[in-house]
Amino acid sequence: MFAQRLDQQGKSFDLALSLIKVSALMTFVGVVLLLSGKVSEGSAITAGGLTGNVFSARFLKFTENANDRLDRLLDEQLLNGINR
């Protein structure tokens, strides 16, 4: 169980790092488009903010649910070990 918990944390970290990279890339593309005059300021800011918030909210909820499930399993394993 502990190994699975550590593996889950590693995957969560990797996913968070990937989301940060995607967010930085999207910000860079938005700045380039804004400076080139292809989009308005309001459009660039709105698109960047909405996309970042959607990805973050979904990732955090997914991670929270996975961690809660693993915590429950770990608690059950610990209780079963104590009761034996």
N, C-alpha and C. Protein backbone atom coordinates (compact mmCIF):
# COMPACT_ATOMS: atom_id res chain seq x y z
N MET A 1 0.81 -1.20 0.00
CA MET A 1 0.00 0.00 0.00
C MET A 1 0.86 1.27 0.00
N PHE A 2 1.92 1.23 0.80
CA PHE A 2 2.78 2.42 0.85
C PHE A 2 3.42 2.67 -0.51
N ALA A 3 3.83 1.61 -1.18
CA ALA A 3 4.46 1.75 -2.50
C ALA A 3 3.46 2.33 -3.50
N GLN A 4 2.21 1.87 -3.42
CA GLN A 4 1.18 2.40 -4.32
C GLN A 4 0.92 3.87 -4.03
N ARG A 5 0.92 4.23 -2.77
CA ARG A 5 0.71 5.63 -2.38
C ARG A 5 1.84 6.51 -2.92
N LEU A 6 3.07 6.04 -2.79
CA LEU A 6 4.21 6.80 -3.30
C LEU A 6 4.16 6.91 -4.82
N ASP A 7 3.76 5.82 -5.48
CA ASP A 7 3.64 5.84 -6.93
C ASP A 7 2.58 6.86 -7.36
N GLN A 8 1.45 6.88 -6.66
CA GLN A 8 0.38 7.83 -6.96
C GLN A 8 0.88 9.26 -6.78
N GLN A 9 1.62 9.51 -5.73
CA GLN A 9 2.15 10.86 -5.51
C GLN A 9 3.11 11.26 -6.61
N GLY A 10 3.93 10.31 -7.06
CA GLY A 10 4.86 10.60 -8.16
C GLY A 10 4.12 10.94 -9.44
N LYS A 11 3.07 10.18 -9.74
CA LYS A 11 2.29 10.45 -10.94
C LYS A 11 1.57 11.80 -10.83
N SER A 12 1.07 12.12 -9.65
CA SER A 12 0.41 13.41 -9.44
C SER A 12 1.39 14.56 -9.66
N PHE A 13 2.60 14.38 -9.15
CA PHE A 13 3.63 15.42 -9.34
C PHE A 13 3.96 15.58 -10.81
N ASP A 14 4.12 14.46 -11.52
CA ASP A 14 4.44 14.52 -12.95
C ASP A 14 3.33 15.22 -13.73
N LEU A 15 2.08 14.90 -13.39
CA LEU A 15 0.96 15.53 -14.06
C LEU A 15 0.90 17.02 -13.77
N ALA A 16 1.15 17.39 -12.52
CA ALA A 16 1.17 18.81 -12.16
C ALA A 16 2.26 19.55 -12.92
N LEU A 17 3.42 18.94 -13.03
CA LEU A 17 4.52 19.55 -13.76
C LEU A 17 4.17 19.70 -15.23
N SER A 18 3.51 18.71 -15.80
CA SER A 18 3.09 18.79 -17.20
C SER A 18 2.08 19.92 -17.40
N LEU A 19 1.14 20.05 -16.47
CA LEU A 19 0.16 21.13 -16.57
C LEU A 19 0.81 22.50 -16.48
N ILE A 20 1.83 22.61 -15.65
CA ILE A 20 2.56 23.88 -15.54
C ILE A 20 3.24 24.20 -16.88
N LYS A 21 3.83 23.18 -17.50
CA LYS A 21 4.49 23.38 -18.79
C LYS A 21 3.48 23.80 -19.86
N VAL A 22 2.33 23.12 -19.90
CA VAL A 22 1.30 23.46 -20.88
C VAL A 22 0.80 24.89 -20.64
N SER A 23 0.60 25.24 -19.39
CA SER A 23 0.13 26.58 -19.06
C SER A 23 1.15 27.64 -19.49
N ALA A 24 2.43 27.36 -19.25
CA ALA A 24 3.48 28.31 -19.65
C ALA A 24 3.51 28.45 -21.17
N LEU A 25 3.37 27.34 -21.88
CA LEU A 25 3.36 27.38 -23.34
C LEU A 25 2.17 28.17 -23.86
N MET A 26 1.00 27.93 -23.26
CA MET A 26 -0.19 28.67 -23.68
C MET A 26 -0.04 30.16 -23.41
N THR A 27 0.57 30.50 -22.29
CA THR A 27 0.80 31.91 -21.98
C THR A 27 1.73 32.53 -23.00
N PHE A 28 2.80 31.81 -23.34
CA PHE A 28 3.75 32.31 -24.33
C PHE A 28 3.08 32.52 -25.69
N VAL A 29 2.27 31.54 -26.12
CA VAL A 29 1.56 31.65 -27.40
C VAL A 29 0.60 32.83 -27.35
N GLY A 30 -0.09 33.00 -26.22
CA GLY A 30 -1.00 34.14 -26.07
C GLY A 30 -0.30 35.47 -26.16
N VAL A 31 0.88 35.57 -25.56
CA VAL A 31 1.66 36.82 -25.63
C VAL A 31 2.11 37.09 -27.05
N VAL A 32 2.57 36.05 -27.74
CA VAL A 32 3.00 36.22 -29.14
C VAL A 32 1.84 36.67 -30.01
N LEU A 33 0.69 36.03 -29.85
CA LEU A 33 -0.49 36.42 -30.62
C LEU A 33 -0.92 37.85 -30.29
N LEU A 34 -0.85 38.18 -29.02
CA LEU A 34 -1.23 39.53 -28.60
C LEU A 34 -0.29 40.57 -29.19
N LEU A 35 1.00 40.32 -29.12
CA LEU A 35 1.98 41.28 -29.65
C LEU A 35 1.94 41.37 -31.17
N SER A 36 1.55 40.30 -31.82
CA SER A 36 1.47 40.33 -33.28
C SER A 36 0.16 40.97 -33.76
N GLY A 37 -0.74 41.25 -32.83
CA GLY A 37 -1.99 41.92 -33.18
C GLY A 37 -3.07 40.98 -33.70
N LYS A 38 -2.87 39.68 -33.57
CA LYS A 38 -3.85 38.72 -34.10
C LYS A 38 -5.05 38.53 -33.17
N VAL A 39 -4.90 38.85 -31.90
CA VAL A 39 -6.02 38.76 -30.95
C VAL A 39 -6.04 40.01 -30.08
N SER A 40 -7.21 40.29 -29.52
CA SER A 40 -7.32 41.44 -28.63
C SER A 40 -6.85 41.07 -27.23
N GLU A 41 -6.57 42.08 -26.42
CA GLU A 41 -6.12 41.84 -25.05
C GLU A 41 -7.14 41.05 -24.25
N GLY A 42 -8.38 41.44 -24.36
CA GLY A 42 -9.44 40.78 -23.60
C GLY A 42 -9.58 39.31 -23.97
N SER A 43 -9.49 39.01 -25.25
CA SER A 43 -9.59 37.61 -25.69
C SER A 43 -8.44 36.78 -25.16
N ALA A 44 -7.24 37.31 -25.22
CA ALA A 44 -6.06 36.56 -24.76
C ALA A 44 -6.13 36.30 -23.27
N ILE A 45 -6.51 37.31 -22.50
CA ILE A 45 -6.57 37.17 -21.05
C ILE A 45 -7.68 36.19 -20.65
N THR A 46 -8.83 36.32 -21.29
CA THR A 46 -9.96 35.45 -20.97
C THR A 46 -9.65 34.00 -21.32
N ALA A 47 -9.13 33.76 -22.50
CA ALA A 47 -8.81 32.39 -22.92
C ALA A 47 -7.77 31.76 -22.01
N GLY A 48 -6.73 32.50 -21.69
CA GLY A 48 -5.68 31.98 -20.81
C GLY A 48 -6.20 31.67 -19.42
N GLY A 49 -6.98 32.57 -18.87
CA GLY A 49 -7.51 32.38 -17.52
C GLY A 49 -8.48 31.22 -17.44
N LEU A 50 -9.38 31.13 -18.40
CA LEU A 50 -10.35 30.04 -18.39
C LEU A 50 -9.69 28.68 -18.58
N THR A 51 -8.77 28.60 -19.51
CA THR A 51 -8.10 27.33 -19.76
C THR A 51 -7.31 26.88 -18.54
N GLY A 52 -6.57 27.78 -17.95
CA GLY A 52 -5.79 27.44 -16.76
C GLY A 52 -6.67 26.99 -15.61
N ASN A 53 -7.76 27.68 -15.40
CA ASN A 53 -8.66 27.33 -14.30
C ASN A 53 -9.34 25.98 -14.52
N VAL A 54 -9.75 25.71 -15.75
CA VAL A 54 -10.42 24.44 -16.04
C VAL A 54 -9.47 23.28 -15.81
N PHE A 55 -8.25 23.38 -16.36
CA PHE A 55 -7.28 22.30 -16.18
C PHE A 55 -6.94 22.12 -14.70
N SER A 56 -6.71 23.20 -14.00
CA SER A 56 -6.34 23.11 -12.59
C SER A 56 -7.45 22.49 -11.75
N ALA A 57 -8.67 22.92 -11.96
CA ALA A 57 -9.79 22.41 -11.17
C ALA A 57 -9.99 20.92 -11.41
N ARG A 58 -9.94 20.50 -12.66
CA ARG A 58 -10.13 19.07 -12.95
C ARG A 58 -9.00 18.22 -12.39
N PHE A 59 -7.77 18.71 -12.53
CA PHE A 59 -6.63 17.97 -12.01
C PHE A 59 -6.68 17.86 -10.49
N LEU A 60 -6.99 18.96 -9.82
CA LEU A 60 -7.05 18.94 -8.36
C LEU A 60 -8.14 18.01 -7.86
N LYS A 61 -9.28 18.00 -8.51
CA LYS A 61 -10.37 17.11 -8.10
C LYS A 61 -9.98 15.65 -8.32
N PHE A 62 -9.36 15.36 -9.46
CA PHE A 62 -8.91 14.00 -9.75
C PHE A 62 -7.89 13.53 -8.72
N THR A 63 -6.92 14.38 -8.42
CA THR A 63 -5.88 14.04 -7.46
C THR A 63 -6.46 13.85 -6.06
N GLU A 64 -7.37 14.72 -5.68
CA GLU A 64 -7.99 14.63 -4.36
C GLU A 64 -8.77 13.32 -4.22
N ASN A 65 -9.54 12.96 -5.25
CA ASN A 65 -10.31 11.71 -5.20
C ASN A 65 -9.39 10.49 -5.12
N ALA A 66 -8.34 10.49 -5.93
CA ALA A 66 -7.41 9.36 -5.93
C ALA A 66 -6.72 9.23 -4.58
N ASN A 67 -6.30 10.35 -4.01
CA ASN A 67 -5.63 10.32 -2.71
C ASN A 67 -6.58 9.88 -1.60
N ASP A 68 -7.83 10.30 -1.67
CA ASP A 68 -8.81 9.89 -0.67
C ASP A 68 -9.05 8.38 -0.72
N ARG A 69 -9.15 7.83 -1.94
CA ARG A 69 -9.33 6.38 -2.08
C ARG A 69 -8.14 5.63 -1.51
N LEU A 70 -6.94 6.09 -1.83
CA LEU A 70 -5.75 5.41 -1.31
C LEU A 70 -5.64 5.54 0.20
N ASP A 71 -6.02 6.67 0.74
CA ASP A 71 -6.01 6.84 2.20
C ASP A 71 -6.97 5.87 2.87
N ARG A 72 -8.16 5.71 2.30
CA ARG A 72 -9.13 4.77 2.87
C ARG A 72 -8.60 3.34 2.82
N LEU A 73 -8.01 2.97 1.69
CA LEU A 73 -7.44 1.62 1.57
C LEU A 73 -6.31 1.41 2.57
N LEU A 74 -5.47 2.41 2.73
CA LEU A 74 -4.36 2.31 3.67
C LEU A 74 -4.88 2.20 5.10
N ASP A 75 -5.89 2.98 5.45
CA ASP A 75 -6.49 2.89 6.78
C ASP A 75 -7.07 1.50 7.03
N GLU A 76 -7.76 0.95 6.01
CA GLU A 76 -8.32 -0.39 6.15
C GLU A 76 -7.23 -1.43 6.36
N GLN A 77 -6.16 -1.31 5.62
CA GLN A 77 -5.04 -2.24 5.75
C GLN A 77 -4.42 -2.14 7.15
N LEU A 78 -4.25 -0.93 7.64
CA LEU A 78 -3.67 -0.74 8.98
C LEU A 78 -4.59 -1.30 10.05
N LEU A 79 -5.90 -1.07 9.92
CA LEU A 79 -6.86 -1.61 10.90
C LEU A 79 -6.90 -3.12 10.85
N ASN A 80 -6.86 -3.69 9.66
CA ASN A 80 -6.85 -5.15 9.54
C ASN A 80 -5.58 -5.74 10.14
N GLY A 81 -4.47 -5.04 9.99
CA GLY A 81 -3.22 -5.51 10.57
C GLY A 81 -3.22 -5.44 12.10
N ILE A 82 -3.88 -4.45 12.66
CA ILE A 82 -3.96 -4.28 14.11
C ILE A 82 -4.91 -5.32 14.70
N ASN A 83 -6.00 -5.62 13.99
CA ASN A 83 -7.00 -6.55 14.50
C ASN A 83 -6.55 -8.01 14.43
N ARG A 84 -5.50 -8.30 13.71
CA ARG A 84 -5.04 -9.71 13.58
C ARG A 84 -4.26 -10.15 14.75
